[in-house]
Protein backbone atom coordinates (compact mmCIF):
# COMPACT_ATOMS: atom_id res chain seq x y z
CA MET A 1 0.29 0.27 0.07
CA THR A 2 1.57 3.26 -1.13
CA ALA A 3 0.64 6.86 0.12
CA GLY A 4 -1.20 8.49 -1.97
CA LEU A 5 -2.03 5.87 -4.77
CA ASP A 6 -3.92 3.45 -2.43
CA THR A 7 -4.27 5.26 1.08
CA PRO A 8 -4.88 8.95 1.96
CA ASP A 9 -1.59 10.85 2.07
CA ARG A 10 -0.89 13.64 4.22
CA ARG A 11 -3.33 15.81 2.06
CA GLY A 12 -5.56 13.58 2.34
CA ARG A 13 -5.67 12.25 -1.84
CA THR A 14 -5.44 8.74 -3.20
CA GLY A 15 -5.13 8.06 -7.56
CA LEU A 16 -2.56 10.38 -7.84
CA ASP A 17 -1.35 8.14 -10.31
CA ARG A 18 -4.41 8.48 -12.47
CA HIS A 19 -4.01 12.15 -13.16
CA GLY A 20 -3.12 12.78 -16.76
CA ARG A 21 -3.66 8.22 -18.24
CA ASP A 22 -6.90 9.38 -19.68
CA LEU A 23 -6.38 12.61 -21.55
CA THR A 24 -7.88 12.24 -25.32
CA GLY A 25 -7.74 15.81 -26.86
CA ASN A 26 -4.42 15.24 -28.83
CA PRO A 27 -4.44 12.20 -31.16
CA ARG A 28 -0.81 12.60 -31.09
CA VAL A 29 0.01 12.05 -27.99
CA ARG A 30 -0.76 8.78 -26.06
CA ILE A 31 -0.26 8.29 -22.68
CA GLU A 32 1.13 4.35 -21.51
CA ASP A 33 2.33 5.08 -17.64
CA VAL A 34 2.03 7.74 -14.74
CA GLU A 35 4.67 7.16 -11.94
CA VAL A 36 4.52 9.39 -8.28
CA LEU A 37 7.92 9.64 -7.60
CA SER A 38 7.06 12.27 -4.61
CA CYS A 39 3.73 13.43 -3.48
CA ASP A 40 5.35 15.32 0.29
CA TRP A 41 2.82 17.99 0.11
CA TYR A 42 2.97 19.10 -4.13
CA VAL A 43 3.81 16.23 -6.56
CA LEU A 44 5.76 15.36 -8.71
CA ARG A 45 5.30 12.48 -11.41
CA ARG A 46 7.15 11.13 -14.21
CA THR A 47 4.47 10.70 -17.42
CA THR A 48 6.10 8.08 -20.88
CA PHE A 49 4.10 8.53 -23.08
CA ASP A 50 4.31 7.75 -27.19
CA TYR A 51 4.49 10.41 -29.10
CA GLN A 52 3.79 11.13 -33.00
CA HIS A 53 5.93 13.57 -34.42
CA SER A 54 5.65 15.65 -37.45
CA ASP A 55 7.00 13.13 -40.06
CA GLY A 56 4.71 10.36 -38.92
CA HIS A 57 6.42 8.83 -37.15
CA TRP A 58 6.13 7.36 -33.00
CA SER A 59 9.40 7.91 -30.80
CA ARG A 60 8.37 6.95 -26.76
CA GLU A 61 9.40 9.46 -24.74
CA GLN A 62 9.51 10.35 -20.31
CA ARG A 63 8.98 13.83 -18.88
CA GLU A 64 8.68 14.27 -15.16
CA THR A 65 6.27 17.19 -13.99
CA TYR A 66 5.76 18.92 -10.96
CA ASP A 67 2.10 19.60 -9.60
CA ARG A 68 1.56 22.38 -7.24
CA GLY A 69 -1.93 23.36 -8.52
CA ASP A 70 -3.04 26.33 -10.07
CA GLY A 71 -2.59 29.93 -8.45
CA ALA A 72 -3.95 33.64 -8.34
CA THR A 73 -1.81 36.61 -8.60
CA ILE A 74 -3.29 40.22 -8.84
CA LEU A 75 -2.14 43.64 -9.69
CA LEU A 76 -3.29 46.39 -6.67
CA TYR A 77 -2.66 49.85 -7.91
CA ASN A 78 -3.82 53.53 -7.45
CA THR A 79 -4.28 55.84 -9.95
CA ASP A 80 -4.93 58.39 -7.75
CA ARG A 81 -1.30 58.39 -5.83
CA ARG A 82 0.34 56.44 -9.25
CA THR A 83 1.09 53.98 -7.18
CA VAL A 84 1.25 50.03 -6.87
CA LEU A 85 1.31 48.29 -3.73
CA LEU A 86 3.94 45.15 -3.89
CA THR A 87 4.98 42.53 -1.22
CA ARG A 88 8.89 41.58 -0.51
CA GLN A 89 9.80 37.82 0.63
CA PHE A 90 12.27 35.39 1.19
CA ARG A 91 12.34 32.43 -2.41
CA LEU A 92 14.61 30.16 -1.18
CA PRO A 93 14.37 28.90 -4.83
CA ALA A 94 15.73 32.14 -6.04
CA TYR A 95 18.25 32.50 -3.70
CA VAL A 96 20.11 28.98 -4.69
CA ASN A 97 20.26 30.03 -8.11
CA GLY A 98 21.85 33.35 -7.90
CA HIS A 99 19.48 35.72 -6.45
CA PRO A 100 21.43 37.94 -3.91
CA ASP A 101 19.67 38.21 -0.77
CA GLY A 102 16.14 35.84 -1.89
CA MET A 103 14.14 38.33 -1.10
CA LEU A 104 11.51 39.28 -3.73
CA ILE A 105 9.66 41.96 -4.61
CA GLU A 106 6.12 40.45 -6.05
CA THR A 107 2.58 41.27 -6.54
CA ALA A 108 0.43 39.32 -4.16
CA ALA A 109 -0.59 35.67 -5.08
CA GLY A 110 -1.46 32.69 -3.72
CA LEU A 111 -2.32 28.81 -4.65
CA LEU A 112 -6.23 28.63 -5.15
CA ASP A 113 -6.84 25.65 -2.60
CA GLY A 114 -9.72 24.84 -3.66
CA ASP A 115 -11.40 28.22 -4.17
CA SER A 116 -12.43 29.41 -7.37
CA PRO A 117 -9.20 32.44 -8.91
CA GLU A 118 -11.43 35.59 -8.20
CA GLU A 119 -12.37 34.31 -4.19
CA ALA A 120 -8.33 32.86 -3.69
CA ILE A 121 -7.20 35.50 -4.38
CA ARG A 122 -9.21 38.11 -2.51
CA ARG A 123 -7.79 35.81 0.40
CA GLU A 124 -3.94 36.34 -0.64
CA ALA A 125 -4.42 39.66 -1.97
CA ALA A 126 -6.05 40.03 2.31
CA GLU A 127 -3.01 37.94 4.03
CA GLU A 128 -0.36 39.69 2.26
CA THR A 129 -1.34 43.33 1.74
CA GLY A 130 -4.32 43.46 4.36
CA HIS A 131 -6.01 44.95 1.62
CA THR A 132 -10.50 44.41 1.18
CA ILE A 133 -10.35 44.27 -2.43
CA GLY A 134 -13.83 44.17 -4.43
CA THR A 135 -14.32 42.46 -7.13
CA PRO A 136 -11.22 41.55 -9.08
CA GLU A 137 -10.36 42.78 -13.07
CA ARG A 138 -9.09 39.52 -14.85
CA VAL A 139 -6.28 40.05 -16.91
CA PHE A 140 -5.33 36.52 -18.28
CA GLU A 141 -4.44 33.50 -17.59
CA VAL A 142 -0.78 31.78 -18.01
CA TYR A 143 1.43 28.81 -17.80
CA MET A 144 3.95 30.06 -16.12
CA SER A 145 6.96 27.07 -16.58
CA PRO A 146 5.49 24.72 -19.44
CA GLY A 147 8.80 22.69 -19.39
CA SER A 148 7.69 21.39 -16.20
CA VAL A 149 5.50 22.84 -14.15
CA THR A 150 1.54 22.15 -14.44
CA GLU A 151 0.35 25.31 -12.80
CA ARG A 152 -2.01 28.19 -14.32
CA LEU A 153 -1.62 31.04 -12.89
CA HIS A 154 -4.75 33.92 -12.50
CA PHE A 155 -3.80 36.88 -13.21
CA PHE A 156 -6.26 39.98 -11.44
CA ALA A 157 -5.38 43.44 -11.05
CA ALA A 158 -8.17 45.88 -8.40
CA PRO A 159 -7.41 49.34 -6.86
CA TYR A 160 -6.56 50.37 -3.51
CA ARG A 161 -7.22 52.84 -0.83
CA PRO A 162 -4.34 53.54 1.17
CA GLN A 163 -5.69 52.58 5.34
CA ALA A 164 -4.92 54.14 7.95
CA SER A 165 -2.98 51.63 9.76
CA ALA A 166 -1.98 49.98 6.87
CA SER A 167 1.61 50.93 7.80
CA ALA A 168 1.53 50.10 11.76
CA SER A 169 0.04 46.56 11.03
CA ALA A 170 2.73 45.82 7.95
CA ALA A 171 5.34 46.60 10.77
CA ASP A 172 4.36 43.09 12.34
CA GLY A 173 4.34 41.53 8.59
CA TYR A 174 1.58 39.55 6.46
CA GLY A 175 1.09 36.39 5.64
CA ILE A 176 0.38 33.70 7.57
CA ALA A 177 2.69 32.54 10.31
CA ALA A 178 2.05 29.09 10.89
CA GLU A 179 2.86 28.59 7.06
CA GLY A 180 6.55 30.45 7.49
CA GLU A 181 5.19 33.14 6.07
CA ASP A 182 7.04 36.74 6.49
CA ILE A 183 5.57 39.00 3.79
CA ALA A 184 6.22 43.31 3.93
CA THR A 185 4.48 45.52 1.49
CA VAL A 186 6.35 47.73 -0.73
CA GLU A 187 4.05 50.67 -1.99
CA LEU A 188 6.25 52.50 -4.92
CA PRO A 189 5.23 54.89 -7.52
CA PHE A 190 4.54 52.63 -10.72
CA ALA A 191 6.93 54.69 -12.83
CA GLU A 192 9.70 53.87 -10.26
CA ALA A 193 8.05 49.73 -10.51
CA LEU A 194 8.88 49.65 -14.39
CA ALA A 195 12.45 50.95 -14.07
CA MET A 196 12.99 48.55 -11.44
CA VAL A 197 11.63 45.98 -13.93
CA ARG A 198 14.17 47.20 -16.44
CA THR A 199 17.40 47.37 -13.84
CA GLY A 200 16.20 43.87 -12.50
CA ALA A 201 15.36 45.37 -8.57
CA ILE A 202 12.11 43.16 -9.85
CA ALA A 203 13.03 40.00 -10.94
CA ASP A 204 9.96 38.28 -10.38
CA ALA A 205 7.83 36.72 -14.00
CA LYS A 206 4.03 37.62 -12.87
CA THR A 207 5.56 40.74 -11.63
CA ILE A 208 6.67 42.02 -14.90
CA MET A 209 3.62 40.59 -16.73
CA LEU A 210 1.58 42.36 -14.76
CA LEU A 211 3.58 45.69 -14.68
CA GLN A 212 3.89 45.66 -18.50
CA TRP A 213 0.37 44.82 -18.90
CA ALA A 214 -1.23 47.80 -16.55
CA ALA A 215 1.47 50.14 -18.50
CA LEU A 216 0.18 48.65 -22.02
CA ASP A 217 -3.70 47.47 -21.64
CA GLY A 218 -4.29 48.67 -18.16
CA PRO A 219 -4.72 51.29 -15.52
CA TYR A 220 -1.22 53.45 -16.83
CA ARG A 221 -1.95 52.90 -20.78
CA HIS A 222 -2.59 56.63 -21.27
CA SER A 223 0.07 57.91 -18.51
């Protein structure tokens, strides 16, 4: 008996090796086997499949996929102040891959965890910035690293209003302490945030995409 396959893993999941076996959308792909390599929290799978190439011949392929669930992110902006509200937190993967200190400036984001994208991003905005937002504007949906990670990220934007108590609350940090989160808010002039993309001070892909959207098609497009 194997946790995550025959018996529940620590998140209560079973049948994790069945994921993807019934796909029929692409006749040039035949799924042959799915093996779960790890399911400690997220799921790492190795899938064996036959693939028909453009010249007609078939080949046997293997790929590993990392399944952490889908997520959502949001750009909070204030057109009167011409600012955006971002977050700063430590990211170990960035730190071990060349970032000077691992402290990334980002848009608020999180996994859906069973909620709709809209519900999830309202939750994450409150948890990470202390701001309650109304109905967010849907921007686009993107596969962030389709060569290995299954995650589809839902992008949103919404206005925010400065809160009188925000600075005092931010001193203690945002995020869920039980999950190891220690998140600070960073309010920046929009022009400065764009300049930080150019210099590399903002190096997070989802944040760059939303800032560029804001400049091209969003609230600052006529600036």
